C-alpha atoms as a PDB file:
ATOM      1  CA  MET A   1       0.108  -0.127   0.137  1.00  0.00           C
ATOM      2  CA  VAL A   2       1.211   3.504  -1.193  1.00  0.00           C
ATOM      3  CA  ARG A   3       1.695   5.954   2.187  1.00  0.00           C
ATOM      4  CA  LEU A   4       1.016   9.193   0.568  1.00  0.00           C
ATOM      5  CA  GLY A   5       0.247  11.051   4.116  1.00  0.00           C
ATOM      6  CA  VAL A   6      -1.310  10.486   7.156  1.00  0.00           C
ATOM      7  CA  ILE A   7      -4.950  10.894   7.391  1.00  0.00           C
ATOM      8  CA  THR A   8      -5.999  12.554  10.599  1.00  0.00           C
ATOM      9  CA  GLN A   9      -9.333  14.264  11.561  1.00  0.00           C
ATOM     10  CA  ASP A  10      -7.429  17.542  11.420  1.00  0.00           C
ATOM     11  CA  ASN A  11      -5.778  17.348   8.145  1.00  0.00           C
ATOM     12  CA  MET A  12      -8.299  15.543   5.965  1.00  0.00           C
ATOM     13  CA  GLY A  13      -5.539  13.511   4.156  1.00  0.00           C
ATOM     14  CA  ILE A  14      -3.504  16.633   2.930  1.00  0.00           C
ATOM     15  CA  PRO A  15       0.144  15.941   3.671  1.00  0.00           C
ATOM     16  CA  THR A  16       1.805  17.529   6.057  1.00  0.00           C
ATOM     17  CA  PRO A  17       4.730  20.134   5.311  1.00  0.00           C
ATOM     18  CA  GLN A  18       7.423  17.509   7.508  1.00  0.00           C
ATOM     19  CA  GLU A  19       5.765  14.592   5.125  1.00  0.00           C
ATOM     20  CA  HIS A  20       6.190  16.859   1.788  1.00  0.00           C
ATOM     21  CA  ALA A  21       9.995  17.755   3.187  1.00  0.00           C
ATOM     22  CA  SER A  22      10.772  13.560   2.559  1.00  0.00           C
ATOM     23  CA  ASP A  23      13.408  12.864   0.477  1.00  0.00           C
ATOM     24  CA  ASP A  24      13.468  12.014  -3.281  1.00  0.00           C
ATOM     25  CA  GLN A  25      13.791   8.112  -2.525  1.00  0.00           C
ATOM     26  CA  LYS A  26      10.778   8.138  -0.719  1.00  0.00           C
ATOM     27  CA  TYR A  27       9.181   9.778  -3.210  1.00  0.00           C
ATOM     28  CA  TRP A  28      10.820   7.008  -6.177  1.00  0.00           C
ATOM     29  CA  GLU A  29       9.824   4.397  -3.655  1.00  0.00           C
ATOM     30  CA  SER A  30       5.992   5.068  -3.618  1.00  0.00           C
ATOM     31  CA  ARG A  31       5.880   5.186  -7.365  1.00  0.00           C
ATOM     32  CA  ALA A  32       7.259   1.776  -8.062  1.00  0.00           C
ATOM     33  CA  THR A  33       5.344   0.210  -5.799  1.00  0.00           C
ATOM     34  CA  PHE A  34       2.245   2.180  -7.577  1.00  0.00           C
ATOM     35  CA  PRO A  35      -0.527  -0.393  -8.671  1.00  0.00           C
ATOM     36  CA  PRO A  36      -0.011  -0.267 -12.773  1.00  0.00           C
ATOM     37  CA  SER A  37      -3.153   0.944 -14.438  1.00  0.00           C
ATOM     38  CA  HIS A  38      -4.947  -2.172 -16.040  1.00  0.00           C
ATOM     39  CA  ASP A  39      -6.637   0.273 -18.596  1.00  0.00           C
ATOM     40  CA  ILE A  40      -5.175  -0.643 -22.183  1.00  0.00           C
ATOM     41  CA  ALA A  41      -5.320   2.605 -23.375  1.00  0.00           C
ATOM     42  CA  ASP A  42      -2.579   3.569 -20.520  1.00  0.00           C
ATOM     43  CA  ARG A  43      -0.016   1.089 -22.813  1.00  0.00           C
ATOM     44  CA  LEU A  44      -0.845   3.470 -26.247  1.00  0.00           C
ATOM     45  CA  PRO A  45       1.298   5.985 -27.818  1.00  0.00           C
ATOM     46  CA  ASP A  46      -0.220   9.457 -27.165  1.00  0.00           C
ATOM     47  CA  SER A  47      -1.616   9.708 -30.748  1.00  0.00           C
ATOM     48  CA  ALA A  48      -3.630   5.974 -30.580  1.00  0.00           C
ATOM     49  CA  ARG A  49      -4.972   6.664 -26.803  1.00  0.00           C
ATOM     50  CA  ALA A  50      -6.060  10.053 -27.930  1.00  0.00           C
ATOM     51  CA  ARG A  51      -8.552   8.256 -30.193  1.00  0.00           C
ATOM     52  CA  LEU A  52      -9.091   5.130 -28.104  1.00  0.00           C
ATOM     53  CA  ILE A  53     -10.485   7.542 -25.359  1.00  0.00           C
ATOM     54  CA  GLY A  54     -12.192   9.594 -28.068  1.00  0.00           C
ATOM     55  CA  LEU A  55     -14.381   6.667 -29.050  1.00  0.00           C
ATOM     56  CA  ARG A  56     -15.231   5.860 -25.780  1.00  0.00           C
ATOM     57  CA  GLU A  57     -16.397   8.936 -25.068  1.00  0.00           C
ATOM     58  CA  GLU A  58     -18.575   8.650 -28.682  1.00  0.00           C
ATOM     59  CA  LEU A  59     -19.670   5.905 -27.241  1.00  0.00           C
ATOM     60  CA  LYS A  60     -20.967   7.451 -23.738  1.00  0.00           C
ATOM     61  CA  GLY A  61     -22.463  10.146 -26.248  1.00  0.00           C
ATOM     62  CA  ALA A  62     -24.551   7.311 -28.169  1.00  0.00           C
ATOM     63  CA  ARG A  63     -25.655   5.468 -25.291  1.00  0.00           C
ATOM     64  CA  TRP A  64     -26.752   8.864 -23.497  1.00  0.00           C
ATOM     65  CA  MET A  65     -28.716   9.231 -26.343  1.00  0.00           C
ATOM     66  CA  VAL A  66     -30.215   6.183 -26.483  1.00  0.00           C
ATOM     67  CA  SER A  67     -31.196   6.815 -22.839  1.00  0.00           C
ATOM     68  CA  ALA A  68     -32.828   9.961 -23.824  1.00  0.00           C
ATOM     69  CA  VAL A  69     -35.320   8.227 -26.461  1.00  0.00           C
ATOM     70  CA  PHE A  70     -36.201   5.464 -24.310  1.00  0.00           C
ATOM     71  CA  GLU A  71     -37.832   7.887 -21.601  1.00  0.00           C
ATOM     72  CA  ASP A  72     -39.605   9.480 -24.698  1.00  0.00           C
ATOM     73  CA  LEU A  73     -40.515   6.061 -25.536  1.00  0.00           C
ATOM     74  CA  GLN A  74     -41.543   5.349 -22.004  1.00  0.00           C
ATOM     75  CA  VAL A  75     -44.321   8.192 -22.250  1.00  0.00           C
ATOM     76  CA  ALA A  76     -45.118   7.349 -25.780  1.00  0.00           C
ATOM     77  CA  ARG A  77     -45.890   4.001 -24.974  1.00  0.00           C
ATOM     78  CA  GLU A  78     -47.796   4.356 -21.393  1.00  0.00           C
ATOM     79  CA  LYS A  79     -50.120   7.693 -23.797  1.00  0.00           C
ATOM     80  CA  ARG A  80     -50.902   4.814 -26.142  1.00  0.00           C
ATOM     81  CA  ASP A  81     -52.039   2.533 -23.138  1.00  0.00           C
ATOM     82  CA  HIS A  82     -53.958   4.878 -21.575  1.00  0.00           C
ATOM     83  CA  LEU A  83     -55.784   5.950 -24.203  1.00  0.00           C
ATOM     84  CA  GLU A  84     -56.356   2.219 -25.560  1.00  0.00           C
ATOM     85  CA  THR A  85     -57.975   1.641 -21.653  1.00  0.00           C
ATOM     86  CA  ALA A  86     -60.100   5.103 -22.109  1.00  0.00           C
ATOM     87  CA  ILE A  87     -61.923   3.684 -25.516  1.00  0.00           C
ATOM     88  CA  LYS A  88     -62.550   0.217 -24.134  1.00  0.00           C
ATOM     89  CA  GLU A  89     -63.922   2.022 -20.660  1.00  0.00           C
ATOM     90  CA  LEU A  90     -66.085   4.461 -23.589  1.00  0.00           C
ATOM     91  CA  SER A  91     -67.334   1.053 -25.433  1.00  0.00           C
ATOM     92  CA  LYS A  92     -68.193  -0.811 -21.816  1.00  0.00           C
ATOM     93  CA  PHE A  93     -70.416   2.072 -21.321  1.00  0.00           C
ATOM     94  CA  GLY A  94     -71.959   1.757 -24.244  1.00  0.00           C
ATOM     95  CA  TYR A  95     -70.669   4.886 -26.549  1.00  0.00           C
ATOM     96  CA  ALA A  96     -71.061   3.938 -30.234  1.00  0.00           C
ATOM     97  CA  GLU A  97     -67.780   4.209 -32.870  1.00  0.00           C
ATOM     98  CA  ASN A  98     -69.529   7.244 -34.392  1.00  0.00           C
ATOM     99  CA  HIS A  99     -70.259   9.177 -30.562  1.00  0.00           C
ATOM    100  CA  ALA A 100     -68.294  12.908 -30.605  1.00  0.00           C
ATOM    101  CA  ARG A 101     -66.250  11.598 -27.300  1.00  0.00           C
ATOM    102  CA  MET A 102     -64.955   7.817 -29.003  1.00  0.00           C
ATOM    103  CA  VAL A 103     -64.263   9.506 -32.699  1.00  0.00           C
ATOM    104  CA  VAL A 104     -61.872  12.227 -30.240  1.00  0.00           C
ATOM    105  CA  GLU A 105     -60.070   9.460 -28.445  1.00  0.00           C
ATOM    106  CA  ARG A 106     -59.746   6.767 -31.490  1.00  0.00           C
ATOM    107  CA  LYS A 107     -58.209   9.837 -33.744  1.00  0.00           C
ATOM    108  CA  SER A 108     -55.510  10.524 -30.570  1.00  0.00           C
ATOM    109  CA  LEU A 109     -55.203   6.885 -30.298  1.00  0.00           C
ATOM    110  CA  ALA A 110     -53.886   7.043 -33.862  1.00  0.00           C
ATOM    111  CA  GLU A 111     -52.142  10.038 -33.111  1.00  0.00           C
ATOM    112  CA  ALA A 112     -50.248   8.283 -30.425  1.00  0.00           C
ATOM    113  CA  GLN A 113     -49.382   4.746 -32.184  1.00  0.00           C
ATOM    114  CA  GLY A 114     -47.861   7.166 -34.697  1.00  0.00           C
ATOM    115  CA  GLU A 115     -45.973   8.872 -32.473  1.00  0.00           C
ATOM    116  CA  LEU A 116     -44.865   5.899 -30.756  1.00  0.00           C
ATOM    117  CA  LYS A 117     -43.789   4.357 -34.134  1.00  0.00           C
ATOM    118  CA  ARG A 118     -41.732   6.937 -35.182  1.00  0.00           C
ATOM    119  CA  ILE A 119     -39.969   7.095 -31.297  1.00  0.00           C
ATOM    120  CA  GLY A 120     -39.808   3.121 -31.807  1.00  0.00           C
ATOM    121  CA  GLU A 121     -37.886   3.530 -34.890  1.00  0.00           C
ATOM    122  CA  LYS A 122     -35.422   6.709 -33.793  1.00  0.00           C
ATOM    123  CA  TYR A 123     -34.723   4.364 -30.727  1.00  0.00           C
ATOM    124  CA  ALA A 124     -33.720   1.552 -32.821  1.00  0.00           C
ATOM    125  CA  GLU A 125     -31.730   3.734 -34.891  1.00  0.00           C
ATOM    126  CA  ARG A 126     -30.208   5.155 -31.802  1.00  0.00           C
ATOM    127  CA  SER A 127     -29.263   1.595 -30.114  1.00  0.00           C
ATOM    128  CA  GLY A 128     -28.027   0.463 -33.197  1.00  0.00           C
ATOM    129  CA  ARG A 129     -25.585   2.824 -33.538  1.00  0.00           C
ATOM    130  CA  ALA A 130     -24.374   2.384 -30.163  1.00  0.00           C
ATOM    131  CA  GLN A 131     -24.199  -1.447 -30.276  1.00  0.00           C
ATOM    132  CA  SER A 132     -22.146  -0.701 -33.194  1.00  0.00           C
ATOM    133  CA  PHE A 133     -19.842   1.590 -31.596  1.00  0.00           C
ATOM    134  CA  GLN A 134     -19.592  -0.878 -28.192  1.00  0.00           C
ATOM    135  CA  ALA A 135     -18.634  -3.582 -30.798  1.00  0.00           C
ATOM    136  CA  LEU A 136     -15.649  -1.311 -32.544  1.00  0.00           C
ATOM    137  CA  ILE A 137     -14.117  -0.728 -29.069  1.00  0.00           C
ATOM    138  CA  GLY A 138     -14.486  -4.467 -28.181  1.00  0.00           C
ATOM    139  CA  ASN A 139     -12.933  -5.236 -30.987  1.00  0.00           C
ATOM    140  CA  ILE A 140     -10.160  -3.044 -31.086  1.00  0.00           C
ATOM    141  CA  GLU A 141      -9.575  -3.448 -26.780  1.00  0.00           C
ATOM    142  CA  ARG A 142      -9.404  -7.399 -27.207  1.00  0.00           C
ATOM    143  CA  TYR A 143      -6.614  -6.677 -30.225  1.00  0.00           C
ATOM    144  CA  LEU A 144      -4.632  -4.262 -28.071  1.00  0.00           C
ATOM    145  CA  GLN A 145      -4.961  -6.561 -25.401  1.00  0.00           C
ATOM    146  CA  GLY A 146      -3.597  -9.318 -27.713  1.00  0.00           C
ATOM    147  CA  HIS A 147      -0.427  -7.440 -28.826  1.00  0.00           C
ATOM    148  CA  SER A 148      -0.011  -4.040 -26.267  1.00  0.00           C
ATOM    149  CA  GLU A 149       3.911  -5.800 -25.649  1.00  0.00           C
ATOM    150  CA  LYS A 150       4.303  -4.507 -28.776  1.00  0.00           C
ATOM    151  CA  ILE A 151       3.093  -1.103 -29.947  1.00  0.00           C
ATOM    152  CA  VAL A 152       4.088   0.989 -33.424  1.00  0.00           C
ATOM    153  CA  ILE A 153       2.700   3.650 -34.182  1.00  0.00           C
ATOM    154  CA  ALA A 154       2.101   4.257 -38.543  1.00  0.00           C
ATOM    155  CA  LEU A 155       3.707   7.169 -40.418  1.00  0.00           C
ATOM    156  CA  PRO A 156       1.040   9.619 -41.188  1.00  0.00           C
ATOM    157  CA  HIS A 157      -1.455   8.539 -43.545  1.00  0.00           C
ATOM    158  CA  ALA A 158      -1.633  10.790 -46.492  1.00  0.00           C
ATOM    159  CA  PHE A 159      -5.339  11.052 -48.292  1.00  0.00           C
ATOM    160  CA  THR A 160      -6.960  13.686 -49.823  1.00  0.00           C
ATOM    161  CA  LEU A 161     -10.008  14.204 -51.367  1.00  0.00           C
ATOM    162  CA  PRO A 162     -10.300  13.818 -54.893  1.00  0.00           C
ATOM    163  CA  GLN A 163     -11.278  17.047 -56.499  1.00  0.00           C
ATOM    164  CA  GLY A 164     -15.078  18.001 -57.141  1.00  0.00           C
ATOM    165  CA  VAL A 165     -16.097  14.454 -55.212  1.00  0.00           C
ATOM    166  CA  PRO A 166     -18.918  14.756 -52.532  1.00  0.00           C
ATOM    167  CA  LEU A 167     -17.614  13.255 -49.138  1.00  0.00           C
ATOM    168  CA  GLN A 168     -19.754  11.166 -48.803  1.00  0.00           C
ATOM    169  CA  GLU A 169     -19.694  10.011 -52.239  1.00  0.00           C
ATOM    170  CA  ALA A 170     -16.360   9.189 -51.495  1.00  0.00           C
ATOM    171  CA  LEU A 171     -16.938   7.074 -48.441  1.00  0.00           C
ATOM    172  CA  ASP A 172     -18.739   4.938 -50.411  1.00  0.00           C
ATOM    173  CA  GLY A 173     -16.424   4.360 -53.024  1.00  0.00           C
ATOM    174  CA  LYS A 174     -14.270   3.207 -50.142  1.00  0.00           C
ATOM    175  CA  ARG A 175     -16.076   1.038 -48.654  1.00  0.00           C
ATOM    176  CA  ARG A 176     -17.218  -0.920 -52.005  1.00  0.00           C
ATOM    177  CA  GLU A 177     -13.178  -0.936 -52.721  1.00  0.00           C
ATOM    178  CA  ILE A 178     -12.955  -2.067 -49.141  1.00  0.00           C
ATOM    179  CA  GLN A 179     -16.109  -4.904 -49.468  1.00  0.00           C
ATOM    180  CA  ASP A 180     -14.031  -5.603 -53.207  1.00  0.00           C
ATOM    181  CA  LEU A 181     -11.059  -6.697 -51.286  1.00  0.00           C
ATOM    182  CA  ARG A 182     -12.532  -8.561 -49.218  1.00  0.00           C
ATOM    183  CA  LYS A 183     -14.155 -10.605 -51.312  1.00  0.00           C
ATOM    184  CA  LYS A 184     -11.073 -10.832 -53.415  1.00  0.00           C
ATOM    185  CA  ILE A 185      -8.737 -12.145 -50.380  1.00  0.00           C
ATOM    186  CA  LEU A 186     -11.644 -14.423 -49.872  1.00  0.00           C
ATOM    187  CA  ALA A 187     -11.293 -15.893 -53.213  1.00  0.00           C
ATOM    188  CA  THR A 188      -7.384 -16.273 -53.179  1.00  0.00           C
ATOM    189  CA  LYS A 189      -7.766 -18.004 -49.331  1.00  0.00           C
ATOM    190  CA  ASN A 190      -9.733 -20.690 -51.187  1.00  0.00           C
ATOM    191  CA  ALA A 191      -8.025 -20.704 -54.458  1.00  0.00           C
ATOM    192  CA  PRO A 192      -7.507 -24.538 -55.216  1.00  0.00           C
ATOM    193  CA  ILE A 193      -3.658 -26.023 -55.965  1.00  0.00           C
ATOM    194  CA  PRO A 194      -2.605 -26.244 -59.508  1.00  0.00           C
ATOM    195  CA  ALA A 195      -2.918 -29.951 -60.937  1.00  0.00           C
ATOM    196  CA  ALA A 196       0.921 -30.442 -61.134  1.00  0.00           C
ATOM    197  CA  ASP A 197       1.447 -29.347 -57.769  1.00  0.00           C
ATOM    198  CA  ALA A 198      -1.680 -31.676 -56.396  1.00  0.00           C
ATOM    199  CA  LYS A 199      -0.330 -34.286 -58.626  1.00  0.00           C
ATOM    200  CA  ARG A 200       3.492 -34.300 -57.153  1.00  0.00           C
ATOM    201  CA  MET A 201       1.815 -34.219 -53.380  1.00  0.00           C
ATOM    202  CA  ALA A 202      -0.477 -37.803 -54.385  1.00  0.00           C
ATOM    203  CA  ARG A 203       2.716 -39.393 -55.774  1.00  0.00           C
ATOM    204  CA  GLU A 204       4.670 -38.471 -52.269  1.00  0.00           C
ATOM    205  CA  TRP A 205       1.749 -39.724 -50.164  1.00  0.00           C
ATOM    206  CA  VAL A 206       1.176 -42.965 -52.024  1.00  0.00           C
ATOM    207  CA  GLU A 207       5.261 -43.605 -51.535  1.00  0.00           C
ATOM    208  CA  ARG A 208       4.739 -42.874 -47.666  1.00  0.00           C
ATOM    209  CA  LEU A 209       1.144 -45.424 -48.083  1.00  0.00           C
ATOM    210  CA  ALA A 210       3.486 -47.694 -49.857  1.00  0.00           C
ATOM    211  CA  GLU A 211       6.208 -47.938 -47.342  1.00  0.00           C
ATOM    212  CA  SER A 212       4.489 -48.418 -44.595  1.00  0.00           C
ATOM    213  CA  GLY A 213       2.850 -51.531 -46.075  1.00  0.00           C
ATOM    214  CA  ARG A 214       6.244 -53.049 -47.581  1.00  0.00           C
ATOM    215  CA  ILE A 215       6.098 -56.645 -45.947  1.00  0.00           C
ATOM    216  CA  ASP A 216       9.416 -57.385 -43.994  1.00  0.00           C
ATOM    217  CA  VAL A 217      11.065 -60.633 -45.584  1.00  0.00           C
ATOM    218  CA  ALA A 218      14.207 -60.431 -43.161  1.00  0.00           C
ATOM    219  CA  PRO A 219      12.666 -63.831 -40.924  1.00  0.00           C
ATOM    220  CA  LEU A 220      12.071 -65.450 -44.128  1.00  0.00           C
ATOM    221  CA  LEU A 221      15.782 -64.771 -45.122  1.00  0.00           C
ATOM    222  CA  GLU A 222      17.130 -65.681 -42.124  1.00  0.00           C
ATOM    223  CA  ARG A 223      15.446 -69.160 -41.490  1.00  0.00           C
ATOM    224  CA  ARG A 224      13.222 -66.782 -38.888  1.00  0.00           C
ATOM    225  CA  GLY A 225       9.886 -67.655 -40.076  1.00  0.00           C
ATOM    226  CA  THR A 226       7.772 -66.350 -42.559  1.00  0.00           C
ATOM    227  CA  PRO A 227       7.240 -62.388 -44.365  1.00  0.00           C
ATOM    228  CA  VAL A 228       5.715 -60.533 -41.725  1.00  0.00           C
ATOM    229  CA  LEU A 229       2.861 -57.988 -42.715  1.00  0.00           C
ATOM    230  CA  ALA A 230       3.121 -54.499 -41.378  1.00  0.00           C
ATOM    231  CA  VAL A 231       0.233 -53.528 -38.789  1.00  0.00           C
ATOM    232  CA  LEU A 232      -1.431 -50.245 -37.989  1.00  0.00           C
ATOM    233  CA  GLY A 233      -1.768 -51.970 -34.691  1.00  0.00           C
ATOM    234  CA  SER A 234      -4.009 -53.881 -32.365  1.00  0.00           C
ATOM    235  CA  ILE A 235      -7.321 -54.690 -30.865  1.00  0.00           C
ATOM    236  CA  GLU A 236      -8.991 -56.375 -27.629  1.00  0.00           C
ATOM    237  CA  ALA A 237     -10.708 -59.100 -28.610  1.00  0.00           C
ATOM    238  CA  PHE A 238     -12.710 -61.609 -26.701  1.00  0.00           C
ATOM    239  CA  SER A 239     -13.004 -65.742 -27.710  1.00  0.00           C
ATOM    240  CA  HIS A 240     -15.280 -68.148 -25.668  1.00  0.00           C
ATOM    241  CA  GLY A 241     -14.094 -66.270 -22.145  1.00  0.00           C
ATOM    242  CA  THR A 242     -10.145 -66.213 -23.395  1.00  0.00           C
ATOM    243  CA  ARG A 243      -8.994 -61.996 -23.592  1.00  0.00           C
ATOM    244  CA  SER A 244      -6.435 -61.846 -26.421  1.00  0.00           C
ATOM    245  CA  GLN A 245      -4.570 -59.188 -28.666  1.00  0.00           C
ATOM    246  CA  ARG A 246      -5.338 -59.249 -32.404  1.00  0.00           C
ATOM    247  CA  GLU A 247      -3.520 -57.273 -35.038  1.00  0.00           C
ATOM    248  CA  ILE A 248      -4.714 -54.747 -37.629  1.00  0.00           C
ATOM    249  CA  PRO A 249      -2.965 -55.431 -40.818  1.00  0.00           C
ATOM    250  CA  ASN A 250      -2.336 -52.636 -42.828  1.00  0.00           C
ATOM    251  CA  ALA A 251      -4.629 -53.335 -46.119  1.00  0.00           C
ATOM    252  CA  ALA A 252      -4.155 -50.048 -47.350  1.00  0.00           C
ATOM    253  CA  GLY A 253      -0.791 -49.518 -46.985  1.00  0.00           C
ATOM    254  CA  LEU A 254       0.192 -53.211 -48.507  1.00  0.00           C
ATOM    255  CA  ILE A 255      -2.139 -52.558 -51.602  1.00  0.00           C
ATOM    256  CA  ALA A 256      -0.169 -48.995 -52.436  1.00  0.00           C
ATOM    257  CA  TRP A 257       2.812 -51.319 -52.047  1.00  0.00           C
ATOM    258  CA  ILE A 258       2.163 -53.885 -54.285  1.00  0.00           C
ATOM    259  CA  HIS A 259      -0.046 -51.428 -56.996  1.00  0.00           C
ATOM    260  CA  ARG A 260       2.177 -48.489 -56.587  1.00  0.00           C
ATOM    261  CA  LYS A 261       2.341 -47.375 -60.093  1.00  0.00           C
ATOM    262  CA  ALA A 262      -1.369 -48.105 -60.593  1.00  0.00           C
ATOM    263  CA  LEU A 263      -2.463 -46.310 -57.467  1.00  0.00           C
ATOM    264  CA  ILE A 264      -0.754 -43.052 -59.120  1.00  0.00           C
ATOM    265  CA  ALA A 265      -1.783 -43.217 -62.573  1.00  0.00           C
ATOM    266  CA  ALA A 266      -5.482 -43.413 -60.957  1.00  0.00           C
ATOM    267  CA  LEU A 267      -4.853 -40.579 -58.949  1.00  0.00           C
ATOM    268  CA  ASP A 268      -3.727 -38.040 -62.096  1.00  0.00           C
ATOM    269  CA  VAL A 269      -6.936 -39.102 -63.480  1.00  0.00           C
ATOM    270  CA  GLU A 270      -9.214 -38.199 -60.883  1.00  0.00           C
ATOM    271  CA  ILE A 271      -6.847 -35.082 -60.200  1.00  0.00           C
ATOM    272  CA  ASP A 272      -7.222 -33.977 -64.144  1.00  0.00           C
ATOM    273  CA  LEU A 273     -10.946 -34.692 -63.576  1.00  0.00           C
ATOM    274  CA  HIS A 274     -11.501 -32.921 -60.724  1.00  0.00           C
ATOM    275  CA  ALA A 275      -8.581 -29.917 -61.006  1.00  0.00           C
ATOM    276  CA  ASP A 276      -9.189 -26.005 -61.670  1.00  0.00           C
ATOM    277  CA  ASP A 277      -5.832 -24.398 -63.085  1.00  0.00           C
ATOM    278  CA  GLY A 278      -7.854 -21.340 -64.309  1.00  0.00           C
ATOM    279  CA  ARG A 279      -8.186 -20.104 -60.703  1.00  0.00           C
ATOM    280  CA  ALA A 280      -5.652 -22.374 -59.117  1.00  0.00           C
ATOM    281  CA  LEU A 281      -2.719 -20.843 -57.285  1.00  0.00           C
ATOM    282  CA  SER A 282       1.005 -22.314 -55.974  1.00  0.00           C
ATOM    283  CA  ASP A 283       1.558 -21.740 -52.453  1.00  0.00           C
ATOM    284  CA  ALA A 284       4.421 -18.852 -53.017  1.00  0.00           C
ATOM    285  CA  ASN A 285       1.800 -16.833 -55.731  1.00  0.00           C
ATOM    286  CA  GLN A 286      -0.869 -17.194 -53.127  1.00  0.00           C
ATOM    287  CA  LYS A 287       1.186 -15.736 -50.388  1.00  0.00           C
ATOM    288  CA  THR A 288       2.498 -13.229 -52.506  1.00  0.00           C
ATOM    289  CA  GLN A 289      -1.187 -12.017 -53.721  1.00  0.00           C
ATOM    290  CA  LEU A 290      -2.580 -12.021 -50.197  1.00  0.00           C
ATOM    291  CA  LEU A 291       0.185  -9.989 -49.190  1.00  0.00           C
ATOM    292  CA  GLU A 292      -0.352  -7.597 -51.520  1.00  0.00           C
ATOM    293  CA  LEU A 293      -4.272  -7.657 -51.141  1.00  0.00           C
ATOM    294  CA  LYS A 294      -3.931  -7.174 -47.496  1.00  0.00           C
ATOM    295  CA  LYS A 295      -1.897  -4.048 -48.010  1.00  0.00           C
ATOM    296  CA  ASP A 296      -4.197  -2.768 -50.694  1.00  0.00           C
ATOM    297  CA  MET A 297      -7.240  -3.395 -47.511  1.00  0.00           C
ATOM    298  CA  LEU A 298      -5.148  -1.605 -45.381  1.00  0.00           C
ATOM    299  CA  ARG A 299      -4.505   1.680 -47.187  1.00  0.00           C
ATOM    300  CA  ALA A 300      -8.093   1.561 -48.016  1.00  0.00           C
ATOM    301  CA  GLU A 301      -9.569   1.368 -44.401  1.00  0.00           C
ATOM    302  CA  ARG A 302      -6.967   4.061 -43.242  1.00  0.00           C
ATOM    303  CA  ASP A 303      -8.574   6.098 -46.121  1.00  0.00           C
ATOM    304  CA  GLU A 304     -12.088   5.176 -45.094  1.00  0.00           C
ATOM    305  CA  GLU A 305     -10.739   6.520 -41.924  1.00  0.00           C
ATOM    306  CA  SER A 306      -9.463   9.558 -43.150  1.00  0.00           C
ATOM    307  CA  LEU A 307     -13.100  10.538 -44.671  1.00  0.00           C
ATOM    308  CA  ILE A 308     -14.737   9.666 -41.136  1.00  0.00           C
ATOM    309  CA  GLU A 309     -12.046  12.102 -39.378  1.00  0.00           C
ATOM    310  CA  MET A 310     -13.030  14.877 -42.474  1.00  0.00           C
ATOM    311  CA  ALA A 311     -16.880  14.638 -42.026  1.00  0.00           C
ATOM    312  CA  THR A 312     -16.361  14.984 -37.996  1.00  0.00           C
ATOM    313  CA  ALA A 313     -14.705  17.986 -38.743  1.00  0.00           C
ATOM    314  CA  GLN A 314     -17.322  19.304 -40.460  1.00  0.00           C
ATOM    315  CA  GLY A 315     -19.933  18.347 -37.781  1.00  0.00           C
ATOM    316  CA  GLY A 316     -21.313  15.291 -39.586  1.00  0.00           C
ATOM    317  CA  GLN A 317     -22.009  12.193 -38.018  1.00  0.00           C
ATOM    318  CA  ILE A 318     -20.538   8.647 -40.040  1.00  0.00           C
ATOM    319  CA  GLU A 319     -20.896   5.510 -38.120  1.00  0.00           C
ATOM    320  CA  ARG A 320     -17.694   3.217 -38.366  1.00  0.00           C
ATOM    321  CA  ARG A 321     -17.288  -0.554 -39.598  1.00  0.00           C
ATOM    322  CA  PRO A 322     -17.736  -2.508 -36.307  1.00  0.00           C
ATOM    323  CA  ASP A 323     -15.306  -4.879 -38.048  1.00  0.00           C
ATOM    324  CA  ALA A 324     -12.873  -2.037 -39.284  1.00  0.00           C
ATOM    325  CA  ASP A 325      -9.060  -2.585 -38.480  1.00  0.00           C
ATOM    326  CA  PRO A 326      -7.660  -1.412 -35.255  1.00  0.00           C
ATOM    327  CA  ARG A 327      -4.710  -0.422 -37.121  1.00  0.00           C
ATOM    328  CA  ALA A 328      -6.547   1.924 -39.232  1.00  0.00           C
ATOM    329  CA  ILE A 329      -8.504   3.311 -36.685  1.00  0.00           C
ATOM    330  CA  LEU A 330      -5.812   4.304 -34.071  1.00  0.00           C
ATOM    331  CA  GLY A 331      -3.126   5.111 -36.648  1.00  0.00           C
ATOM    332  CA  LEU A 332      -1.282   1.369 -35.717  1.00  0.00           C
ATOM    333  CA  SER A 333       1.611  -0.044 -38.372  1.00  0.00           C
ATOM    334  CA  GLY A 334       1.183  -2.563 -40.584  1.00  0.00           C
ATOM    335  CA  GLU A 335       3.689  -4.445 -39.390  1.00  0.00           C
ATOM    336  CA  MET A 336       1.412  -5.120 -36.614  1.00  0.00           C
ATOM    337  CA  PRO A 337      -0.387  -8.313 -36.775  1.00  0.00           C
ATOM    338  CA  GLU A 338      -3.623  -7.921 -38.462  1.00  0.00           C
ATOM    339  CA  ALA A 339      -6.745  -8.556 -36.381  1.00  0.00           C
ATOM    340  CA  ARG A 340      -8.745 -11.481 -36.790  1.00  0.00           C
ATOM    341  CA  ARG A 341     -12.180 -11.017 -38.445  1.00  0.00           C
ATOM    342  CA  VAL A 342     -15.309 -13.505 -38.233  1.00  0.00           C
ATOM    343  CA  GLY A 343     -15.716 -15.415 -41.672  1.00  0.00           C
ATOM    344  CA  SER A 344     -11.665 -14.577 -42.738  1.00  0.00           C
END
């Protein structure tokens, strides 16, 4: 526990001049034992910390807006319920639908229902925005928790709004670009391997399988017994109340050992039948393309964030995507690991 001053009824916790006169060693000892902050924001460089704190403040504002509309929603519901009750009471007392009072109450109910619908839609919109903000900040903080030991700030990102292009139009175009890049990344990840590579890998697999099924003829040659089949393992068996271990022969390996060439030829035919070399990528080409696409993706997301900041500076309010890259939001280096995204 850090002793910051003697708390007495006289000084109410304010350190005395004598305590202030303690030497520097005591000060630094107290600093060394002060419990570290558990807020991930406090481990960030200033620029990134400011952005994260700013997002949290925006979330507070979004929640306050939800709370304010919720109160209006409750009032509107109570008003509608009151009118519905009033109409039921009038019906009980025999008021006809065309009675002047009933007509007035019905009109008031219709207006109250319309108002309730309007406020309900506003509540849903604001609630959705707050939830989206919460998801965004949650994703960012989980990312930072996983990489807090090495936070690297990126160089300033230069982006200029094309001349004559409205900001919202530029943002919509940038988000379409991000969606297209995401599809390309997924297609590249799912690209099949070329037929030639598949055949090579199939041959290697057959060779391993054949070797696993090779018959051991050493006992025969050394006059110790008969050739020995390769086995996969053994199982426990019961016969007439007797327990025993029975070996499981490596049948697949034996077949591959005997019919090695035929199995390779059959696999070549099967690969040619199903291969799609028009979409195929070698491991090296896939790695290279993914690297370039992910660089383009991060650049596009940095552009998107720049556009959002421009809109905010002009008094606009644009919702960020919950799955936006934390590196783009906080201005972190592309050298840091990419964030894991759902479905990627």
